[in-house]
């Protein structure tokens, strides 16, 4: 059992004080003083035992975290703020530059807002099909949730609920996007570990094929050209570029509806994407639809 340095110092001080108090009790002739000092010694012993137990529990928790963790998120890089992501989802301007883009819609409608709030509480997003919105010629819900995942430094977990097949069975698609971690050199290692865990827990194999693997190799250095960006492939986009300018690195499985939800919940716990204290996002006062970028036109949402 390992004990932290601070706990050890406090423990030694208490043991030394106990030794001095015991000697003082032996020399004291007053019975009341003996009883008071003996109480102090007993309290010190209990405090020392509590410190030892707490230190042991903390050490065990740290050991478990170290041995079970197989993924990391890059810290020394550009990331948006969670509050800014919420603001652009309402069409409001963000404080941090490059959080949104004129060519990438993020503004959510009422149904998308409900799914977004539920995803924060459950740890994974559920969408119908590809979540494509014809009016925006894109998927604002996926864009916003991916930005939120990037802000939190967590993978994006999405369950695409597809239409039933000809046999009437639901074959949905569960996808984990590792790009918000911003550590491309570790993507393959995390992918292998994910595949092993999902196979072990749910007996489902990854649906990634050879073509997908070749495409993933290209995504490690690919920066999407948006807003006239002319960055070269050698530029470390994962360090200084917003997430909507980086290609996704997806790991996917074809699952039934029930298995997909169970696996999504499992992955949410595994990657710590569940926000237990997340509340329903409220529409800010004064937000109205409009053509200008400031009021939530095409440039923001």
Protein backbone atom coordinates (compact mmCIF):
# COMPACT_ATOMS: atom_id res chain seq x y z
CA UNK A 1 0.00 0.00 0.00
CA UNK A 2 1.36 3.45 -0.97
CA UNK A 3 0.82 6.49 1.25
CA UNK A 4 0.99 10.03 -0.04
CA UNK A 5 3.77 12.22 1.30
CA UNK A 6 1.40 14.66 3.04
CA UNK A 7 -0.49 11.86 4.78
CA UNK A 8 2.78 10.32 5.95
CA UNK A 9 3.98 13.62 7.43
CA UNK A 10 0.70 14.13 9.31
CA UNK A 11 0.75 10.52 10.55
CA UNK A 12 4.30 10.78 11.88
CA UNK A 13 3.47 14.05 13.63
CA UNK A 14 0.48 12.45 15.33
CA UNK A 15 2.47 9.42 16.45
CA UNK A 16 5.16 11.67 17.87
CA UNK A 17 2.57 13.77 19.68
CA UNK A 18 1.05 10.58 21.07
CA UNK A 19 4.41 9.52 22.50
CA UNK A 20 4.86 12.88 24.22
CA UNK A 21 1.32 12.82 25.59
CA UNK A 22 1.80 9.32 27.00
CA UNK A 23 4.90 10.46 28.83
CA UNK A 24 3.06 13.48 30.18
CA UNK A 25 0.23 11.26 31.48
CA UNK A 26 2.72 9.11 33.35
CA UNK A 27 4.26 12.17 35.06
CA UNK A 28 1.00 13.97 35.77
CA UNK A 29 -0.50 13.66 39.26
CA UNK A 30 -3.89 15.18 38.40
CA UNK A 31 -6.51 12.56 37.53
CA UNK A 32 -8.61 14.99 35.42
CA UNK A 33 -5.60 15.95 33.32
CA UNK A 34 -4.90 12.28 32.72
CA UNK A 35 -8.42 11.70 31.41
CA UNK A 36 -8.40 14.76 29.11
CA UNK A 37 -5.02 13.92 27.62
CA UNK A 38 -6.07 10.29 27.13
CA UNK A 39 -9.08 11.50 25.08
CA UNK A 40 -6.74 13.53 22.86
CA UNK A 41 -4.56 10.46 22.30
CA UNK A 42 -7.60 8.34 21.34
CA UNK A 43 -8.84 11.00 18.89
CA UNK A 44 -5.37 11.24 17.32
CA UNK A 45 -5.27 7.48 16.84
CA UNK A 46 -8.69 7.48 15.13
CA UNK A 47 -7.67 10.36 12.87
CA UNK A 48 -4.51 8.51 11.90
CA UNK A 49 -6.52 5.39 11.00
CA UNK A 50 -8.93 7.47 8.89
CA UNK A 51 -5.99 9.04 7.03
CA UNK A 52 -4.50 5.61 6.34
CA UNK A 53 -7.82 4.26 5.00
CA UNK A 54 -8.42 7.32 2.81
CA UNK A 55 -4.90 7.18 1.42
CA UNK A 56 -5.27 3.48 0.61
CA UNK A 57 -8.60 4.09 -1.17
CA UNK A 58 -7.15 6.98 -3.20
CA UNK A 59 -4.13 4.92 -4.20
CA UNK A 60 -6.34 2.01 -5.27
CA UNK A 61 -8.54 4.34 -7.34
CA UNK A 62 -5.51 5.85 -9.06
CA UNK A 63 -4.15 2.38 -9.84
CA UNK A 64 -7.48 1.33 -11.34
CA UNK A 65 -7.64 4.44 -13.50
CA UNK A 66 -4.10 3.92 -14.78
CA UNK A 67 -4.62 0.25 -15.59
CA UNK A 68 -8.04 0.61 -17.27
CA UNK A 69 -7.52 3.80 -19.25
CA UNK A 70 -6.58 3.18 -22.88
CA UNK A 71 -7.29 6.61 -24.37
CA UNK A 72 -6.02 10.13 -23.87
CA UNK A 73 -7.00 13.55 -25.15
CA UNK A 74 -4.57 16.22 -26.24
CA UNK A 75 -4.48 19.23 -23.94
CA UNK A 76 -1.98 21.63 -25.57
CA UNK A 77 -4.15 22.44 -28.58
CA UNK A 78 -6.94 24.72 -29.75
CA UNK A 79 -10.40 23.77 -28.51
CA UNK A 80 -13.69 25.67 -28.35
CA UNK A 81 -15.45 26.51 -25.10
CA UNK A 82 -18.55 24.53 -24.15
CA UNK A 83 -20.47 27.75 -23.57
CA UNK A 84 -19.54 29.02 -27.04
CA UNK A 85 -20.76 25.76 -28.59
CA UNK A 86 -24.09 26.24 -26.85
CA UNK A 87 -24.30 29.82 -28.08
CA UNK A 88 -23.71 29.04 -31.74
CA UNK A 89 -26.31 26.28 -31.52
CA UNK A 90 -28.81 29.13 -30.93
CA UNK A 91 -27.33 31.28 -33.68
CA UNK A 92 -25.50 33.62 -31.33
CA UNK A 93 -21.91 34.74 -31.96
CA UNK A 94 -19.18 32.97 -29.99
CA UNK A 95 -16.58 34.80 -27.94
CA UNK A 96 -13.76 32.53 -29.10
CA UNK A 97 -12.81 32.99 -32.72
CA UNK A 98 -13.26 30.03 -35.14
CA UNK A 99 -15.77 28.25 -32.93
CA UNK A 100 -18.26 28.42 -35.81
CA UNK A 101 -17.98 28.86 -39.55
CA UNK A 102 -20.00 30.54 -42.30
CA UNK A 103 -20.02 27.31 -44.29
CA UNK A 104 -20.79 24.88 -41.46
CA UNK A 105 -24.33 25.09 -40.00
CA UNK A 106 -24.62 24.61 -36.23
CA UNK A 107 -27.96 26.15 -35.36
CA UNK A 108 -30.43 23.55 -34.06
CA UNK A 109 -34.18 23.38 -34.49
CA UNK A 110 -36.56 22.23 -31.75
CA UNK A 111 -36.27 18.49 -32.45
CA UNK A 112 -32.51 18.64 -32.77
CA UNK A 113 -32.29 20.62 -29.54
CA UNK A 114 -34.16 17.87 -27.71
CA UNK A 115 -31.85 15.18 -29.09
CA UNK A 116 -28.79 17.30 -28.25
CA UNK A 117 -29.85 17.73 -24.61
CA UNK A 118 -30.67 14.04 -24.26
CA UNK A 119 -27.29 13.09 -25.72
CA UNK A 120 -25.48 15.11 -23.08
CA UNK A 121 -27.32 13.28 -20.30
CA UNK A 122 -27.02 9.80 -21.88
CA UNK A 123 -23.45 10.09 -23.15
CA UNK A 124 -24.24 9.32 -26.79
CA UNK A 125 -26.32 10.85 -29.57
CA UNK A 126 -29.25 9.13 -31.28
CA UNK A 127 -30.22 10.36 -34.74
CA UNK A 128 -32.61 9.21 -37.44
CA UNK A 129 -30.58 8.11 -40.44
CA UNK A 130 -27.78 10.53 -41.25
CA UNK A 131 -29.42 13.51 -39.42
CA UNK A 132 -29.30 15.39 -42.74
CA UNK A 133 -31.40 18.57 -42.88
CA UNK A 134 -32.47 19.52 -46.38
CA UNK A 135 -32.86 23.23 -45.57
CA UNK A 136 -29.22 23.47 -44.53
CA UNK A 137 -27.81 20.88 -46.92
CA UNK A 138 -25.91 19.48 -43.96
CA UNK A 139 -26.37 17.91 -40.51
CA UNK A 140 -26.31 20.73 -37.91
CA UNK A 141 -26.96 18.31 -35.04
CA UNK A 142 -23.87 16.23 -35.85
CA UNK A 143 -21.78 19.38 -36.35
CA UNK A 144 -22.80 20.82 -33.00
CA UNK A 145 -22.37 17.58 -31.07
CA UNK A 146 -18.96 17.06 -32.61
CA UNK A 147 -17.95 20.57 -31.53
CA UNK A 148 -19.20 19.80 -28.02
CA UNK A 149 -17.16 16.59 -27.97
CA UNK A 150 -14.11 18.54 -29.11
CA UNK A 151 -14.63 21.15 -26.39
CA UNK A 152 -14.76 18.40 -23.76
CA UNK A 153 -11.92 16.37 -25.27
CA UNK A 154 -14.09 13.25 -25.66
CA UNK A 155 -14.84 10.98 -28.64
CA UNK A 156 -18.17 11.52 -30.37
CA UNK A 157 -20.55 8.55 -30.00
CA UNK A 158 -23.54 8.42 -32.37
CA UNK A 159 -26.20 5.79 -32.94
CA UNK A 160 -27.65 6.16 -36.45
CA UNK A 161 -31.13 4.62 -36.34
CA UNK A 162 -31.73 3.31 -39.85
CA UNK A 163 -34.92 2.17 -41.55
CA UNK A 164 -35.89 -1.52 -41.21
CA UNK A 165 -34.51 -3.88 -43.82
CA UNK A 166 -36.67 -5.91 -46.20
CA UNK A 167 -36.90 -8.65 -43.55
CA UNK A 168 -38.22 -6.15 -41.02
CA UNK A 169 -35.12 -6.17 -38.83
CA UNK A 170 -33.54 -2.97 -37.53
CA UNK A 171 -29.84 -2.85 -38.41
CA UNK A 172 -28.53 0.40 -37.02
CA UNK A 173 -25.03 1.85 -37.19
CA UNK A 174 -23.06 2.76 -34.07
CA UNK A 175 -20.19 5.16 -34.76
CA UNK A 176 -17.36 6.47 -32.59
CA UNK A 177 -15.41 9.43 -33.98
CA UNK A 178 -11.95 9.64 -32.36
CA UNK A 179 -10.89 12.92 -34.01
CA UNK A 180 -11.90 15.10 -30.99
CA UNK A 181 -9.09 13.41 -29.04
CA UNK A 182 -6.64 15.15 -31.43
CA UNK A 183 -4.00 12.43 -31.07
CA UNK A 184 -3.81 10.81 -34.53
CA UNK A 185 -0.85 8.61 -33.63
CA UNK A 186 -2.98 6.83 -31.03
CA UNK A 187 -6.14 6.39 -33.11
CA UNK A 188 -5.26 2.87 -34.28
CA UNK A 189 -4.43 1.69 -30.78
CA UNK A 190 -7.71 3.04 -29.40
CA UNK A 191 -9.61 1.52 -32.34
CA UNK A 192 -8.15 -1.94 -31.71
CA UNK A 193 -8.97 -1.75 -28.01
CA UNK A 194 -12.52 -0.59 -28.80
CA UNK A 195 -13.09 -3.46 -31.21
CA UNK A 196 -11.90 -5.98 -28.64
CA UNK A 197 -14.12 -4.57 -25.90
CA UNK A 198 -17.26 -4.37 -28.03
CA UNK A 199 -16.65 -7.91 -29.31
CA UNK A 200 -16.18 -9.17 -25.76
CA UNK A 201 -19.18 -7.33 -24.27
CA UNK A 202 -21.73 -7.56 -27.10
CA UNK A 203 -20.32 -10.15 -29.53
CA UNK A 204 -20.36 -7.62 -32.38
CA UNK A 205 -17.51 -7.21 -34.84
CA UNK A 206 -16.47 -3.91 -36.38
CA UNK A 207 -17.92 -3.12 -39.80
CA UNK A 208 -14.72 -1.34 -40.91
CA UNK A 209 -13.42 -2.73 -44.20
CA UNK A 210 -10.14 -2.39 -46.08
CA UNK A 211 -11.22 0.72 -47.97
CA UNK A 212 -12.18 2.41 -44.71
CA UNK A 213 -8.76 1.64 -43.22
CA UNK A 214 -6.99 3.16 -46.22
CA UNK A 215 -9.18 6.25 -45.94
CA UNK A 216 -8.38 6.54 -42.22
CA UNK A 217 -4.68 6.69 -42.99
CA UNK A 218 -5.36 9.76 -45.11
CA UNK A 219 -7.44 11.45 -42.41
CA UNK A 220 -4.46 11.65 -40.05
CA UNK A 221 -2.97 14.43 -42.15
CA UNK A 222 -6.01 15.76 -44.00
CA UNK A 223 -7.28 19.27 -43.34
CA UNK A 224 -10.55 20.17 -45.01
CA UNK A 225 -10.35 23.34 -47.08
CA UNK A 226 -12.99 25.62 -45.56
CA UNK A 227 -13.14 29.39 -45.51
CA UNK A 228 -10.32 29.53 -48.06
CA UNK A 229 -7.88 27.58 -45.88
CA UNK A 230 -4.73 26.72 -47.79
CA UNK A 231 -2.88 24.94 -44.97
CA UNK A 232 -0.54 22.21 -46.15
CA UNK A 233 -0.90 18.58 -45.08
CA UNK A 234 2.32 18.91 -43.05
CA UNK A 235 0.67 21.47 -40.81
CA UNK A 236 -0.38 19.96 -37.47
CA UNK A 237 -4.08 20.60 -37.90
CA UNK A 238 -4.93 18.66 -34.76
CA UNK A 239 -3.08 21.28 -32.74
CA UNK A 240 -4.38 24.56 -34.10
CA UNK A 241 -7.37 23.95 -36.39
CA UNK A 242 -11.09 23.82 -35.44
CA UNK A 243 -12.71 20.41 -35.52
CA UNK A 244 -14.89 21.15 -38.56
CA UNK A 245 -11.70 21.52 -40.60
CA UNK A 246 -10.47 18.05 -39.60
CA UNK A 247 -11.65 14.79 -41.12
CA UNK A 248 -13.40 12.31 -38.86
CA UNK A 249 -11.71 9.08 -37.74
CA UNK A 250 -14.64 6.71 -37.33
CA UNK A 251 -14.98 3.24 -35.85
CA UNK A 252 -18.36 1.67 -36.60
CA UNK A 253 -20.48 -1.40 -35.90
CA UNK A 254 -23.72 -2.69 -37.42
CA UNK A 255 -26.01 -3.47 -34.50
CA UNK A 256 -29.63 -4.09 -33.62
CA UNK A 257 -31.59 -1.29 -31.96
CA UNK A 258 -31.37 -2.76 -28.45
CA UNK A 259 -27.70 -3.68 -28.74
CA UNK A 260 -26.91 -0.26 -30.20
CA UNK A 261 -28.43 1.55 -27.22
CA UNK A 262 -26.73 -0.76 -24.72
CA UNK A 263 -23.38 -0.38 -26.48
CA UNK A 264 -23.83 3.40 -26.69
CA UNK A 265 -24.43 3.54 -22.95
CA UNK A 266 -21.39 1.31 -22.37
CA UNK A 267 -19.19 3.53 -24.53
CA UNK A 268 -20.54 6.65 -22.82
CA UNK A 269 -19.38 5.27 -19.48
CA UNK A 270 -16.09 4.12 -20.96
CA UNK A 271 -15.25 7.54 -22.41
CA UNK A 272 -16.90 9.51 -19.59
CA UNK A 273 -19.17 11.42 -21.97
CA UNK A 274 -22.18 11.39 -19.65
CA UNK A 275 -23.03 14.80 -18.16
CA UNK A 276 -25.12 13.90 -15.14
CA UNK A 277 -25.73 17.54 -14.21
CA UNK A 278 -26.56 18.67 -17.73
CA UNK A 279 -29.84 20.57 -17.86
CA UNK A 280 -32.07 21.55 -20.73
CA UNK A 281 -30.47 24.37 -22.67
CA UNK A 282 -32.64 27.45 -22.63
CA UNK A 283 -33.03 29.83 -25.52
CA UNK A 284 -31.30 33.15 -24.74
CA UNK A 285 -33.46 36.25 -24.69
CA UNK A 286 -33.58 38.33 -27.84
CA UNK A 287 -32.54 35.55 -30.25
CA UNK A 288 -34.54 35.86 -33.46
CA UNK A 289 -34.00 34.34 -36.89
CA UNK A 290 -32.49 36.70 -39.41
CA UNK A 291 -30.30 36.98 -42.46
CA UNK A 292 -27.28 38.55 -40.81
CA UNK A 293 -24.58 36.41 -39.27
CA UNK A 294 -24.95 38.09 -35.88
CA UNK A 295 -28.62 37.15 -35.66
CA UNK A 296 -28.22 33.51 -36.62
CA UNK A 297 -28.40 33.55 -40.39
CA UNK A 298 -26.62 31.05 -42.62
CA UNK A 299 -23.23 32.10 -41.28
CA UNK A 300 -23.91 30.84 -37.77
CA UNK A 301 -26.60 28.21 -37.87
